Amino acid sequence: MKYALLLMGHTDDPACGDEGGANPEEFFAFDQEITAAGVVVSSFALEGPEHAVTVGADETGERVVSSGPFAEVQEFVGGGYIIEVANIDEAIAWARRSPGSAAGGHVEIRPVAPY
């Protein structure tokens, strides 16, 4: 089964940057480990929410573009992985090993819809 591991950070924690507060070397080592295990389908890293652009509709239905995230955010997705493992317990085990689940951040796990 495929799961998304979403690495979450907090904007109100000065130690918590795009990588959830852990140092880049920890993420590099984790990335090597999870990739070598052969469970990674894809991965990504995102710039912080200050770089976001949001597209939505105004009251007339016209599409509008605005700078920044949709709403004031306290948490943001800094990156993530799509992994393929046997079950949720294996996905949780990988999330626990991620530096993103320490140092002020956390890892949200979601099953990937099968369509």
PDB file of N, CA and C in Angstrom:
ATOM      1  N   MET A   1       0.836  -1.175   0.000  1.00  0.00           N
ATOM      2  CA  MET A   1       0.000   0.000   0.000  1.00  0.00           C
ATOM      3  C   MET A   1       0.886   1.244   0.000  1.00  0.00           C
ATOM      4  N   LYS A   2       0.409   2.285  -0.650  1.00  0.00           N
ATOM      5  CA  LYS A   2       1.167   3.533  -0.712  1.00  0.00           C
ATOM      6  C   LYS A   2       0.676   4.494   0.359  1.00  0.00           C
ATOM      7  N   TYR A   3       1.648   5.172   0.985  1.00  0.00           N
ATOM      8  CA  TYR A   3       1.364   6.174   2.010  1.00  0.00           C
ATOM      9  C   TYR A   3       2.164   7.426   1.715  1.00  0.00           C
ATOM     10  N   ALA A   4       1.576   8.576   2.040  1.00  0.00           N
ATOM     11  CA  ALA A   4       2.297   9.840   2.000  1.00  0.00           C
ATOM     12  C   ALA A   4       2.804  10.131   3.398  1.00  0.00           C
ATOM     13  N   LEU A   5       4.089  10.421   3.513  1.00  0.00           N
ATOM     14  CA  LEU A   5       4.681  10.908   4.757  1.00  0.00           C
ATOM     15  C   LEU A   5       4.905  12.400   4.550  1.00  0.00           C
ATOM     16  N   LEU A   6       4.109  13.231   5.206  1.00  0.00           N
ATOM     17  CA  LEU A   6       4.190  14.675   5.049  1.00  0.00           C
ATOM     18  C   LEU A   6       4.959  15.254   6.223  1.00  0.00           C
ATOM     19  N   LEU A   7       6.095  15.867   5.938  1.00  0.00           N
ATOM     20  CA  LEU A   7       6.973  16.422   6.966  1.00  0.00           C
ATOM     21  C   LEU A   7       6.482  17.821   7.315  1.00  0.00           C
ATOM     22  N   MET A   8       5.989  17.982   8.540  1.00  0.00           N
ATOM     23  CA  MET A   8       5.348  19.219   8.961  1.00  0.00           C
ATOM     24  C   MET A   8       6.269  20.029   9.866  1.00  0.00           C
ATOM     25  N   GLY A   9       6.262  21.346   9.687  1.00  0.00           N
ATOM     26  CA  GLY A   9       7.003  22.264  10.538  1.00  0.00           C
ATOM     27  C   GLY A   9       6.059  23.277  11.158  1.00  0.00           C
ATOM     28  N   HIS A  10       6.571  24.090  12.064  1.00  0.00           N
ATOM     29  CA  HIS A  10       5.780  25.110  12.757  1.00  0.00           C
ATOM     30  C   HIS A  10       6.390  26.478  12.513  1.00  0.00           C
ATOM     31  N   THR A  11       5.570  27.434  12.076  1.00  0.00           N
ATOM     32  CA  THR A  11       6.075  28.773  11.783  1.00  0.00           C
ATOM     33  C   THR A  11       6.443  29.546  13.036  1.00  0.00           C
ATOM     34  N   ASP A  12       5.861  29.189  14.188  1.00  0.00           N
ATOM     35  CA  ASP A  12       6.154  29.939  15.407  1.00  0.00           C
ATOM     36  C   ASP A  12       7.380  29.426  16.153  1.00  0.00           C
ATOM     37  N   ASP A  13       8.040  28.416  15.620  1.00  0.00           N
ATOM     38  CA  ASP A  13       9.244  27.869  16.242  1.00  0.00           C
ATOM     39  C   ASP A  13      10.453  28.337  15.449  1.00  0.00           C
ATOM     40  N   PRO A  14      11.260  29.251  15.991  1.00  0.00           N
ATOM     41  CA  PRO A  14      12.388  29.792  15.222  1.00  0.00           C
ATOM     42  C   PRO A  14      13.405  28.737  14.809  1.00  0.00           C
ATOM     43  N   ALA A  15      13.450  27.609  15.517  1.00  0.00           N
ATOM     44  CA  ALA A  15      14.380  26.539  15.156  1.00  0.00           C
ATOM     45  C   ALA A  15      13.819  25.657  14.059  1.00  0.00           C
ATOM     46  N   CYS A  16      12.584  25.894  13.689  1.00  0.00           N
ATOM     47  CA  CYS A  16      11.886  24.995  12.774  1.00  0.00           C
ATOM     48  C   CYS A  16      11.766  25.656  11.412  1.00  0.00           C
ATOM     49  N   GLY A  17      12.681  25.334  10.527  1.00  0.00           N
ATOM     50  CA  GLY A  17      12.651  25.868   9.175  1.00  0.00           C
ATOM     51  C   GLY A  17      11.931  24.921   8.250  1.00  0.00           C
ATOM     52  N   ASP A  18      12.251  24.977   6.971  1.00  0.00           N
ATOM     53  CA  ASP A  18      11.603  24.129   5.975  1.00  0.00           C
ATOM     54  C   ASP A  18      11.801  22.653   6.271  1.00  0.00           C
ATOM     55  N   GLU A  19      12.817  22.305   7.041  1.00  0.00           N
ATOM     56  CA  GLU A  19      13.093  20.903   7.329  1.00  0.00           C
ATOM     57  C   GLU A  19      12.548  20.461   8.681  1.00  0.00           C
ATOM     58  N   GLY A  20      11.646  21.210   9.307  1.00  0.00           N
ATOM     59  CA  GLY A  20      11.050  20.776  10.553  1.00  0.00           C
ATOM     60  C   GLY A  20      11.959  20.901  11.753  1.00  0.00           C
ATOM     61  N   GLY A  21      13.026  21.665  11.670  1.00  0.00           N
ATOM     62  CA  GLY A  21      13.870  21.909  12.819  1.00  0.00           C
ATOM     63  C   GLY A  21      15.089  21.016  12.918  1.00  0.00           C
ATOM     64  N   ALA A  22      15.075  19.870  12.287  1.00  0.00           N
ATOM     65  CA  ALA A  22      16.238  18.988  12.306  1.00  0.00           C
ATOM     66  C   ALA A  22      17.288  19.533  11.348  1.00  0.00           C
ATOM     67  N   ASN A  23      18.545  19.151  11.570  1.00  0.00           N
ATOM     68  CA  ASN A  23      19.568  19.684  10.686  1.00  0.00           C
ATOM     69  C   ASN A  23      19.575  18.932   9.351  1.00  0.00           C
ATOM     70  N   PRO A  24      20.045  19.579   8.300  1.00  0.00           N
ATOM     71  CA  PRO A  24      20.020  18.972   6.967  1.00  0.00           C
ATOM     72  C   PRO A  24      20.763  17.639   6.874  1.00  0.00           C
ATOM     73  N   GLU A  25      21.830  17.474   7.651  1.00  0.00           N
ATOM     74  CA  GLU A  25      22.575  16.210   7.607  1.00  0.00           C
ATOM     75  C   GLU A  25      21.704  15.037   8.059  1.00  0.00           C
ATOM     76  N   GLU A  26      20.846  15.289   9.074  1.00  0.00           N
ATOM     77  CA  GLU A  26      19.940  14.237   9.535  1.00  0.00           C
ATOM     78  C   GLU A  26      18.957  13.846   8.431  1.00  0.00           C
ATOM     79  N   PHE A  27      18.450  14.843   7.715  1.00  0.00           N
ATOM     80  CA  PHE A  27      17.535  14.538   6.613  1.00  0.00           C
ATOM     81  C   PHE A  27      18.250  13.818   5.476  1.00  0.00           C
ATOM     82  N   PHE A  28      19.479  14.213   5.197  1.00  0.00           N
ATOM     83  CA  PHE A  28      20.242  13.558   4.146  1.00  0.00           C
ATOM     84  C   PHE A  28      20.452  12.085   4.493  1.00  0.00           C
ATOM     85  N   ALA A  29      20.817  11.805   5.742  1.00  0.00           N
ATOM     86  CA  ALA A  29      21.034  10.419   6.174  1.00  0.00           C
ATOM     87  C   ALA A  29      19.736   9.623   6.119  1.00  0.00           C
ATOM     88  N   PHE A  30      18.635  10.222   6.569  1.00  0.00           N
ATOM     89  CA  PHE A  30      17.339   9.535   6.511  1.00  0.00           C
ATOM     90  C   PHE A  30      16.950   9.261   5.064  1.00  0.00           C
ATOM     91  N   ASP A  31      17.152  10.246   4.195  1.00  0.00           N
ATOM     92  CA  ASP A  31      16.817  10.070   2.777  1.00  0.00           C
ATOM     93  C   ASP A  31      17.610   8.917   2.170  1.00  0.00           C
ATOM     94  N   GLN A  32      18.885   8.822   2.486  1.00  0.00           N
ATOM     95  CA  GLN A  32      19.691   7.705   1.989  1.00  0.00           C
ATOM     96  C   GLN A  32      19.158   6.379   2.514  1.00  0.00           C
ATOM     97  N   GLU A  33      18.798   6.336   3.803  1.00  0.00           N
ATOM     98  CA  GLU A  33      18.311   5.102   4.413  1.00  0.00           C
ATOM     99  C   GLU A  33      16.988   4.637   3.800  1.00  0.00           C
ATOM    100  N   ILE A  34      16.021   5.543   3.696  1.00  0.00           N
ATOM    101  CA  ILE A  34      14.709   5.153   3.190  1.00  0.00           C
ATOM    102  C   ILE A  34      14.774   4.825   1.690  1.00  0.00           C
ATOM    103  N   THR A  35      15.630   5.520   0.957  1.00  0.00           N
ATOM    104  CA  THR A  35      15.801   5.230  -0.469  1.00  0.00           C
ATOM    105  C   THR A  35      16.469   3.875  -0.661  1.00  0.00           C
ATOM    106  N   ALA A  36      17.505   3.591   0.124  1.00  0.00           N
ATOM    107  CA  ALA A  36      18.208   2.306   0.030  1.00  0.00           C
ATOM    108  C   ALA A  36      17.291   1.140   0.387  1.00  0.00           C
ATOM    109  N   ALA A  37      16.299   1.374   1.238  1.00  0.00           N
ATOM    110  CA  ALA A  37      15.357   0.319   1.623  1.00  0.00           C
ATOM    111  C   ALA A  37      14.409  -0.049   0.482  1.00  0.00           C
ATOM    112  N   GLY A  38      14.358   0.786  -0.551  1.00  0.00           N
ATOM    113  CA  GLY A  38      13.532   0.486  -1.720  1.00  0.00           C
ATOM    114  C   GLY A  38      12.052   0.759  -1.550  1.00  0.00           C
ATOM    115  N   VAL A  39      11.660   1.564  -0.551  1.00  0.00           N
ATOM    116  CA  VAL A  39      10.242   1.834  -0.337  1.00  0.00           C
ATOM    117  C   VAL A  39       9.781   3.165  -0.917  1.00  0.00           C
ATOM    118  N   VAL A  40      10.715   4.012  -1.346  1.00  0.00           N
ATOM    119  CA  VAL A  40      10.358   5.340  -1.849  1.00  0.00           C
ATOM    120  C   VAL A  40       9.835   5.256  -3.277  1.00  0.00           C
ATOM    121  N   VAL A  41       8.617   5.770  -3.470  1.00  0.00           N
ATOM    122  CA  VAL A  41       8.045   5.909  -4.812  1.00  0.00           C
ATOM    123  C   VAL A  41       8.451   7.271  -5.366  1.00  0.00           C
ATOM    124  N   SER A  42       8.355   8.305  -4.526  1.00  0.00           N
ATOM    125  CA  SER A  42       8.810   9.648  -4.891  1.00  0.00           C
ATOM    126  C   SER A  42       9.009  10.452  -3.612  1.00  0.00           C
ATOM    127  N   SER A  43       9.732  11.564  -3.741  1.00  0.00           N
ATOM    128  CA  SER A  43       9.952  12.446  -2.597  1.00  0.00           C
ATOM    129  C   SER A  43      10.035  13.879  -3.104  1.00  0.00           C
ATOM    130  N   PHE A  44       9.875  14.814  -2.163  1.00  0.00           N
ATOM    131  CA  PHE A  44       9.931  16.227  -2.545  1.00  0.00           C
ATOM    132  C   PHE A  44      10.294  17.071  -1.333  1.00  0.00           C
ATOM    133  N   ALA A  45      10.874  18.223  -1.608  1.00  0.00           N
ATOM    134  CA  ALA A  45      11.126  19.242  -0.593  1.00  0.00           C
ATOM    135  C   ALA A  45      10.484  20.531  -1.079  1.00  0.00           C
ATOM    136  N   LEU A  46       9.890  21.272  -0.164  1.00  0.00           N
ATOM    137  CA  LEU A  46       9.202  22.506  -0.516  1.00  0.00           C
ATOM    138  C   LEU A  46       9.867  23.704   0.142  1.00  0.00           C
ATOM    139  N   GLU A  47       9.818  24.831  -0.526  1.00  0.00           N
ATOM    140  CA  GLU A  47      10.217  26.082   0.104  1.00  0.00           C
ATOM    141  C   GLU A  47       9.185  26.414   1.179  1.00  0.00           C
ATOM    142  N   GLY A  48       9.490  27.339   2.063  1.00  0.00           N
ATOM    143  CA  GLY A  48       8.589  27.709   3.151  1.00  0.00           C
ATOM    144  C   GLY A  48       7.311  28.367   2.660  1.00  0.00           C
ATOM    145  N   PRO A  49       6.311  28.482   3.547  1.00  0.00           N
ATOM    146  CA  PRO A  49       5.018  29.045   3.156  1.00  0.00           C
ATOM    147  C   PRO A  49       5.097  30.497   2.707  1.00  0.00           C
ATOM    148  N   GLU A  50       6.162  31.198   3.072  1.00  0.00           N
ATOM    149  CA  GLU A  50       6.311  32.580   2.611  1.00  0.00           C
ATOM    150  C   GLU A  50       6.511  32.661   1.104  1.00  0.00           C
ATOM    151  N   HIS A  51       6.791  31.528   0.463  1.00  0.00           N
ATOM    152  CA  HIS A  51       6.964  31.486  -0.989  1.00  0.00           C
ATOM    153  C   HIS A  51       5.710  31.005  -1.715  1.00  0.00           C
ATOM    154  N   ALA A  52       4.635  30.756  -0.962  1.00  0.00           N
ATOM    155  CA  ALA A  52       3.411  30.208  -1.553  1.00  0.00           C
ATOM    156  C   ALA A  52       2.663  31.248  -2.372  1.00  0.00           C
ATOM    157  N   VAL A  53       1.972  30.770  -3.380  1.00  0.00           N
ATOM    158  CA  VAL A  53       1.013  31.550  -4.154  1.00  0.00           C
ATOM    159  C   VAL A  53      -0.273  30.737  -4.142  1.00  0.00           C
ATOM    160  N   THR A  54      -1.393  31.405  -3.895  1.00  0.00           N
ATOM    161  CA  THR A  54      -2.673  30.712  -3.792  1.00  0.00           C
ATOM    162  C   THR A  54      -3.602  31.181  -4.892  1.00  0.00           C
ATOM    163  N   VAL A  55      -4.281  30.244  -5.545  1.00  0.00           N
ATOM    164  CA  VAL A  55      -5.285  30.552  -6.555  1.00  0.00           C
ATOM    165  C   VAL A  55      -6.630  30.114  -5.999  1.00  0.00           C
ATOM    166  N   GLY A  56      -7.579  31.010  -6.035  1.00  0.00           N
ATOM    167  CA  GLY A  56      -8.935  30.725  -5.545  1.00  0.00           C
ATOM    168  C   GLY A  56      -9.938  31.535  -6.335  1.00  0.00           C
ATOM    169  N   ALA A  57     -11.177  31.520  -5.876  1.00  0.00           N
ATOM    170  CA  ALA A  57     -12.235  32.259  -6.566  1.00  0.00           C
ATOM    171  C   ALA A  57     -12.779  33.341  -5.646  1.00  0.00           C
ATOM    172  N   ASP A  58     -13.100  34.502  -6.237  1.00  0.00           N
ATOM    173  CA  ASP A  58     -13.746  35.551  -5.449  1.00  0.00           C
ATOM    174  C   ASP A  58     -15.260  35.314  -5.455  1.00  0.00           C
ATOM    175  N   GLU A  59     -16.024  36.254  -4.903  1.00  0.00           N
ATOM    176  CA  GLU A  59     -17.476  36.076  -4.780  1.00  0.00           C
ATOM    177  C   GLU A  59     -18.200  35.982  -6.126  1.00  0.00           C
ATOM    178  N   THR A  60     -17.561  36.432  -7.214  1.00  0.00           N
ATOM    179  CA  THR A  60     -18.177  36.331  -8.542  1.00  0.00           C
ATOM    180  C   THR A  60     -17.773  35.051  -9.268  1.00  0.00           C
ATOM    181  N   GLY A  61     -16.898  34.293  -8.668  1.00  0.00           N
ATOM    182  CA  GLY A  61     -16.417  33.082  -9.317  1.00  0.00           C
ATOM    183  C   GLY A  61     -15.148  33.294 -10.134  1.00  0.00           C
ATOM    184  N   GLU A  62     -14.706  34.547 -10.225  1.00  0.00           N
ATOM    185  CA  GLU A  62     -13.469  34.877 -10.950  1.00  0.00           C
ATOM    186  C   GLU A  62     -12.276  34.321 -10.183  1.00  0.00           C
ATOM    187  N   ARG A  63     -11.357  33.722 -10.906  1.00  0.00           N
ATOM    188  CA  ARG A  63     -10.144  33.200 -10.268  1.00  0.00           C
ATOM    189  C   ARG A  63      -9.209  34.354  -9.921  1.00  0.00           C
ATOM    190  N   VAL A  64      -8.701  34.314  -8.691  1.00  0.00           N
ATOM    191  CA  VAL A  64      -7.772  35.338  -8.231  1.00  0.00           C
ATOM    192  C   VAL A  64      -6.524  34.666  -7.688  1.00  0.00           C
ATOM    193  N   VAL A  65      -5.415  35.369  -7.842  1.00  0.00           N
ATOM    194  CA  VAL A  65      -4.125  34.873  -7.377  1.00  0.00           C
ATOM    195  C   VAL A  65      -3.661  35.785  -6.253  1.00  0.00           C
ATOM    196  N   SER A  66      -3.209  35.182  -5.161  1.00  0.00           N
ATOM    197  CA  SER A  66      -2.691  35.989  -4.063  1.00  0.00           C
ATOM    198  C   SER A  66      -1.365  35.408  -3.593  1.00  0.00           C
ATOM    199  N   SER A  67      -0.552  36.270  -3.041  1.00  0.00           N
ATOM    200  CA  SER A  67       0.729  35.825  -2.487  1.00  0.00           C
ATOM    201  C   SER A  67       0.486  35.192  -1.135  1.00  0.00           C
ATOM    202  N   GLY A  68       1.255  34.172  -0.833  1.00  0.00           N
ATOM    203  CA  GLY A  68       1.185  33.532   0.468  1.00  0.00           C
ATOM    204  C   GLY A  68       0.228  32.362   0.496  1.00  0.00           C
ATOM    205  N   PRO A  69       0.208  31.680   1.649  1.00  0.00           N
ATOM    206  CA  PRO A  69      -0.681  30.524   1.796  1.00  0.00           C
ATOM    207  C   PRO A  69      -2.132  30.965   1.864  1.00  0.00           C
ATOM    208  N   PHE A  70      -3.056  30.021   1.735  1.00  0.00           N
ATOM    209  CA  PHE A  70      -4.496  30.299   1.745  1.00  0.00           C
ATOM    210  C   PHE A  70      -4.918  31.007   3.022  1.00  0.00           C
ATOM    211  N   ALA A  71      -4.391  30.587   4.141  1.00  0.00           N
ATOM    212  CA  ALA A  71      -4.734  31.186   5.429  1.00  0.00           C
ATOM    213  C   ALA A  71      -3.453  31.357   6.236  1.00  0.00           C
ATOM    214  N   GLU A  72      -3.531  32.149   7.279  1.00  0.00           N
ATOM    215  CA  GLU A  72      -2.397  32.242   8.189  1.00  0.00           C
ATOM    216  C   GLU A  72      -2.143  30.845   8.741  1.00  0.00           C
ATOM    217  N   VAL A  73      -0.945  30.366   8.588  1.00  0.00           N
ATOM    218  CA  VAL A  73      -0.652  28.995   8.993  1.00  0.00           C
ATOM    219  C   VAL A  73       0.306  28.962  10.175  1.00  0.00           C
ATOM    220  N   GLN A  74       0.087  28.026  11.057  1.00  0.00           N
ATOM    221  CA  GLN A  74       1.020  27.750  12.130  1.00  0.00           C
ATOM    222  C   GLN A  74       1.886  26.558  11.757  1.00  0.00           C
ATOM    223  N   GLU A  75       1.324  25.658  10.948  1.00  0.00           N
ATOM    224  CA  GLU A  75       2.055  24.483  10.478  1.00  0.00           C
ATOM    225  C   GLU A  75       2.128  24.543   8.961  1.00  0.00           C
ATOM    226  N   PHE A  76       3.149  23.930   8.426  1.00  0.00           N
ATOM    227  CA  PHE A  76       3.280  23.882   6.981  1.00  0.00           C
ATOM    228  C   PHE A  76       3.965  22.587   6.576  1.00  0.00           C
ATOM    229  N   VAL A  77       3.707  22.160   5.348  1.00  0.00           N
ATOM    230  CA  VAL A  77       4.376  20.983   4.799  1.00  0.00           C
ATOM    231  C   VAL A  77       5.716  21.439   4.249  1.00  0.00           C
ATOM    232  N   GLY A  78       6.799  20.843   4.738  1.00  0.00           N
ATOM    233  CA  GLY A  78       8.137  21.192   4.278  1.00  0.00           C
ATOM    234  C   GLY A  78       8.651  20.252   3.207  1.00  0.00           C
ATOM    235  N   GLY A  79       8.004  19.106   3.068  1.00  0.00           N
ATOM    236  CA  GLY A  79       8.398  18.107   2.082  1.00  0.00           C
ATOM    237  C   GLY A  79       7.732  16.793   2.420  1.00  0.00           C
ATOM    238  N   GLY A  80       8.123  15.763   1.719  1.00  0.00           N
ATOM    239  CA  GLY A  80       7.522  14.476   2.028  1.00  0.00           C
ATOM    240  C   GLY A  80       7.977  13.363   1.118  1.00  0.00           C
ATOM    241  N   TYR A  81       7.412  12.218   1.382  1.00  0.00           N
ATOM    242  CA  TYR A  81       7.697  11.001   0.623  1.00  0.00           C
ATOM    243  C   TYR A  81       6.392  10.305   0.296  1.00  0.00           C
ATOM    244  N   ILE A  82       6.349   9.662  -0.837  1.00  0.00           N
ATOM    245  CA  ILE A  82       5.344   8.643  -1.119  1.00  0.00           C
ATOM    246  C   ILE A  82       6.105   7.336  -1.010  1.00  0.00           C
ATOM    247  N   ILE A  83       5.643   6.479  -0.094  1.00  0.00           N
ATOM    248  CA  ILE A  83       6.319   5.200   0.107  1.00  0.00           C
ATOM    249  C   ILE A  83       5.340   4.069  -0.180  1.00  0.00           C
ATOM    250  N   GLU A  84       5.882   2.913  -0.508  1.00  0.00           N
ATOM    251  CA  GLU A  84       5.063   1.724  -0.705  1.00  0.00           C
ATOM    252  C   GLU A  84       5.552   0.663   0.269  1.00  0.00           C
ATOM    253  N   VAL A  85       4.691   0.344   1.224  1.00  0.00           N
ATOM    254  CA  VAL A  85       5.000  -0.621   2.278  1.00  0.00           C
ATOM    255  C   VAL A  85       3.783  -1.530   2.469  1.00  0.00           C
ATOM    256  N   ALA A  86       3.941  -2.570   3.256  1.00  0.00           N
ATOM    257  CA  ALA A  86       2.885  -3.566   3.434  1.00  0.00           C
ATOM    258  C   ALA A  86       1.673  -3.042   4.194  1.00  0.00           C
ATOM    259  N   ASN A  87       1.896  -2.137   5.173  1.00  0.00           N
ATOM    260  CA  ASN A  87       0.775  -1.716   6.014  1.00  0.00           C
ATOM    261  C   ASN A  87       1.113  -0.427   6.759  1.00  0.00           C
ATOM    262  N   ILE A  88       0.117   0.070   7.501  1.00  0.00           N
ATOM    263  CA  ILE A  88       0.283   1.332   8.235  1.00  0.00           C
ATOM    264  C   ILE A  88       1.380   1.227   9.293  1.00  0.00           C
ATOM    265  N   ASP A  89       1.559   0.052   9.877  1.00  0.00           N
ATOM    266  CA  ASP A  89       2.602  -0.105  10.892  1.00  0.00           C
ATOM    267  C   ASP A  89       3.994   0.158  10.310  1.00  0.00           C
ATOM    268  N   GLU A  90       4.236  -0.292   9.087  1.00  0.00           N
ATOM    269  CA  GLU A  90       5.529  -0.014   8.441  1.00  0.00           C
ATOM    270  C   GLU A  90       5.667   1.470   8.125  1.00  0.00           C
ATOM    271  N   ALA A  91       4.573   2.106   7.699  1.00  0.00           N
ATOM    272  CA  ALA A  91       4.611   3.549   7.425  1.00  0.00           C
ATOM    273  C   ALA A  91       4.928   4.320   8.710  1.00  0.00           C
ATOM    274  N   ILE A  92       4.309   3.906   9.819  1.00  0.00           N
ATOM    275  CA  ILE A  92       4.576   4.551  11.103  1.00  0.00           C
ATOM    276  C   ILE A  92       6.032   4.359  11.513  1.00  0.00           C
ATOM    277  N   ALA A  93       6.561   3.179  11.278  1.00  0.00           N
ATOM    278  CA  ALA A  93       7.965   2.923  11.626  1.00  0.00           C
ATOM    279  C   ALA A  93       8.893   3.864  10.861  1.00  0.00           C
ATOM    280  N   TRP A  94       8.627   4.099   9.574  1.00  0.00           N
ATOM    281  CA  TRP A  94       9.455   5.034   8.810  1.00  0.00           C
ATOM    282  C   TRP A  94       9.272   6.460   9.322  1.00  0.00           C
ATOM    283  N   ALA A  95       8.046   6.844   9.651  1.00  0.00           N
ATOM    284  CA  ALA A  95       7.795   8.199  10.167  1.00  0.00           C
ATOM    285  C   ALA A  95       8.538   8.422  11.481  1.00  0.00           C
ATOM    286  N   ARG A  96       8.592   7.400  12.319  1.00  0.00           N
ATOM    287  CA  ARG A  96       9.310   7.515  13.591  1.00  0.00           C
ATOM    288  C   ARG A  96      10.806   7.701  13.385  1.00  0.00           C
ATOM    289  N   ARG A  97      11.341   7.165  12.305  1.00  0.00           N
ATOM    290  CA  ARG A  97      12.779   7.290  12.033  1.00  0.00           C
ATOM    291  C   ARG A  97      13.129   8.636  11.409  1.00  0.00           C
ATOM    292  N   SER A  98      12.149   9.312  10.855  1.00  0.00           N
ATOM    293  CA  SER A  98      12.395  10.574  10.167  1.00  0.00           C
ATOM    294  C   SER A  98      12.775  11.675  11.140  1.00  0.00           C
ATOM    295  N   PRO A  99      13.790  12.467  10.807  1.00  0.00           N
ATOM    296  CA  PRO A  99      14.116  13.633  11.632  1.00  0.00           C
ATOM    297  C   PRO A  99      12.957  14.626  11.683  1.00  0.00           C
ATOM    298  N   GLY A 100      12.047  14.538  10.731  1.00  0.00           N
ATOM    299  CA  GLY A 100      10.892  15.433  10.715  1.00  0.00           C
ATOM    300  C   GLY A 100       9.926  15.189  11.858  1.00  0.00           C
ATOM    301  N   SER A 101      10.020  14.041  12.519  1.00  0.00           N
ATOM    302  CA  SER A 101       9.121  13.758  13.638  1.00  0.00           C
ATOM    303  C   SER A 101       9.726  14.186  14.972  1.00  0.00           C
ATOM    304  N   ALA A 102      10.830  14.921  14.923  1.00  0.00           N
ATOM    305  CA  ALA A 102      11.484  15.425  16.132  1.00  0.00           C
ATOM    306  C   ALA A 102      11.737  16.919  15.967  1.00  0.00           C
ATOM    307  N   ALA A 103      12.271  17.527  16.982  1.00  0.00           N
ATOM    308  CA  ALA A 103      12.745  18.921  16.922  1.00  0.00           C
ATOM    309  C   ALA A 103      11.666  19.913  16.512  1.00  0.00           C
ATOM    310  N   GLY A 104      10.461  19.776  17.065  1.00  0.00           N
ATOM    311  CA  GLY A 104       9.407  20.754  16.808  1.00  0.00           C
ATOM    312  C   GLY A 104       8.520  20.452  15.625  1.00  0.00           C
ATOM    313  N   GLY A 105       8.801  19.409  14.879  1.00  0.00           N
ATOM    314  CA  GLY A 105       7.961  19.059  13.741  1.00  0.00           C
ATOM    315  C   GLY A 105       7.242  17.753  13.984  1.00  0.00           C
ATOM    316  N   HIS A 106       6.515  17.305  12.997  1.00  0.00           N
ATOM    317  CA  HIS A 106       5.909  15.981  13.045  1.00  0.00           C
ATOM    318  C   HIS A 106       5.691  15.486  11.626  1.00  0.00           C
ATOM    319  N   VAL A 107       5.378  14.217  11.510  1.00  0.00           N
ATOM    320  CA  VAL A 107       5.146  13.595  10.204  1.00  0.00           C
ATOM    321  C   VAL A 107       3.695  13.133  10.161  1.00  0.00           C
ATOM    322  N   GLU A 108       2.941  13.675   9.229  1.00  0.00           N
ATOM    323  CA  GLU A 108       1.562  13.231   9.017  1.00  0.00           C
ATOM    324  C   GLU A 108       1.597  12.091   8.000  1.00  0.00           C
ATOM    325  N   ILE A 109       0.862  11.025   8.289  1.00  0.00           N
ATOM    326  CA  ILE A 109       0.820   9.860   7.401  1.00  0.00           C
ATOM    327  C   ILE A 109      -0.593   9.766   6.834  1.00  0.00           C
ATOM    328  N   ARG A 110      -0.673   9.642   5.503  1.00  0.00           N
ATOM    329  CA  ARG A 110      -1.968   9.439   4.861  1.00  0.00           C
ATOM    330  C   ARG A 110      -1.876   8.371   3.804  1.00  0.00           C
ATOM    331  N   PRO A 111      -2.864   7.470   3.756  1.00  0.00           N
ATOM    332  CA  PRO A 111      -2.897   6.513   2.655  1.00  0.00           C
ATOM    333  C   PRO A 111      -3.097   7.272   1.336  1.00  0.00           C
ATOM    334  N   VAL A 112      -2.452   6.810   0.293  1.00  0.00           N
ATOM    335  CA  VAL A 112      -2.624   7.394  -1.031  1.00  0.00           C
ATOM    336  C   VAL A 112      -3.844   6.733  -1.653  1.00  0.00           C
ATOM    337  N   ALA A 113      -4.794   7.535  -2.122  1.00  0.00           N
ATOM    338  CA  ALA A 113      -6.004   6.992  -2.735  1.00  0.00           C
ATOM    339  C   ALA A 113      -5.649   6.160  -3.969  1.00  0.00           C
ATOM    340  N   PRO A 114      -6.305   5.037  -4.172  1.00  0.00           N
ATOM    341  CA  PRO A 114      -5.932   4.108  -5.252  1.00  0.00           C
ATOM    342  C   PRO A 114      -6.473   4.461  -6.631  1.00  0.00           C
ATOM    343  N   TYR A 115      -6.720   5.727  -6.918  1.00  0.00           N
ATOM    344  CA  TYR A 115      -7.200   6.076  -8.260  1.00  0.00           C
ATOM    345  C   TYR A 115      -6.325   7.079  -8.917  1.00  0.00           C
TER     346      TYR A 115
END
